[in-house]
Amino acid sequence: MFNIEQIRAAEEKVKTGADFPQLAKDLKDLGVLRFDVY
């Protein structure tokens, strides 16, 4: 299971668009199946 602090920590590592694939991998490794933004 994951929590919001872990997601925010992963998001803080993103500085450019080139970092986005690593963010997706990190979120998947945390167990995130879906990430909706409204």
C-alpha atoms as a PDB file:
ATOM      1  CA  MET A   1       0.000   0.000   0.000  1.00  0.00           C
ATOM      2  CA  PHE A   2       1.136   3.555  -0.594  1.00  0.00           C
ATOM      3  CA  ASN A   3       0.342   6.947   0.860  1.00  0.00           C
ATOM      4  CA  ILE A   4       0.174  10.498  -0.458  1.00  0.00           C
ATOM      5  CA  GLU A   5       3.593  11.362   0.985  1.00  0.00           C
ATOM      6  CA  GLN A   6       5.207   8.640  -1.135  1.00  0.00           C
ATOM      7  CA  ILE A   7       3.467   9.928  -4.259  1.00  0.00           C
ATOM      8  CA  ARG A   8       4.522  13.501  -3.537  1.00  0.00           C
ATOM      9  CA  ALA A   9       8.123  12.384  -2.937  1.00  0.00           C
ATOM     10  CA  ALA A  10       8.143  10.660  -6.333  1.00  0.00           C
ATOM     11  CA  GLU A  11       6.639  13.756  -7.994  1.00  0.00           C
ATOM     12  CA  GLU A  12       9.288  16.026  -6.450  1.00  0.00           C
ATOM     13  CA  LYS A  13      11.979  14.173  -8.405  1.00  0.00           C
ATOM     14  CA  VAL A  14      10.451  15.337 -11.706  1.00  0.00           C
ATOM     15  CA  LYS A  15      12.267  18.398 -13.039  1.00  0.00           C
ATOM     16  CA  THR A  16      11.683  18.045 -16.799  1.00  0.00           C
ATOM     17  CA  GLY A  17       9.548  16.041 -19.182  1.00  0.00           C
ATOM     18  CA  ALA A  18      12.449  13.640 -19.574  1.00  0.00           C
ATOM     19  CA  ASP A  19      11.931  12.607 -15.926  1.00  0.00           C
ATOM     20  CA  PHE A  20       8.303  11.598 -16.480  1.00  0.00           C
ATOM     21  CA  PRO A  21       8.940   7.963 -17.532  1.00  0.00           C
ATOM     22  CA  GLN A  22      10.801   7.397 -14.259  1.00  0.00           C
ATOM     23  CA  LEU A  23       7.872   8.921 -12.342  1.00  0.00           C
ATOM     24  CA  ALA A  24       5.493   6.502 -14.051  1.00  0.00           C
ATOM     25  CA  LYS A  25       7.761   3.583 -13.105  1.00  0.00           C
ATOM     26  CA  ASP A  26       8.107   4.805  -9.508  1.00  0.00           C
ATOM     27  CA  LEU A  27       4.331   5.149  -9.136  1.00  0.00           C
ATOM     28  CA  LYS A  28       3.799   1.697 -10.600  1.00  0.00           C
ATOM     29  CA  ASP A  29       6.390   0.275  -8.204  1.00  0.00           C
ATOM     30  CA  LEU A  30       4.480   1.855  -5.307  1.00  0.00           C
ATOM     31  CA  GLY A  31       1.364  -0.008  -6.428  1.00  0.00           C
ATOM     32  CA  VAL A  32      -0.506   2.838  -8.098  1.00  0.00           C
ATOM     33  CA  LEU A  33      -2.796   1.382 -10.750  1.00  0.00           C
ATOM     34  CA  ARG A  34      -4.467   4.605 -11.842  1.00  0.00           C
ATOM     35  CA  PHE A  35      -3.839   8.308 -11.251  1.00  0.00           C
ATOM     36  CA  ASP A  36      -6.747  10.622 -12.044  1.00  0.00           C
ATOM     37  CA  VAL A  37      -6.354  14.395 -11.988  1.00  0.00           C
ATOM     38  CA  TYR A  38      -9.370  16.666 -12.140  1.00  0.00           C
END
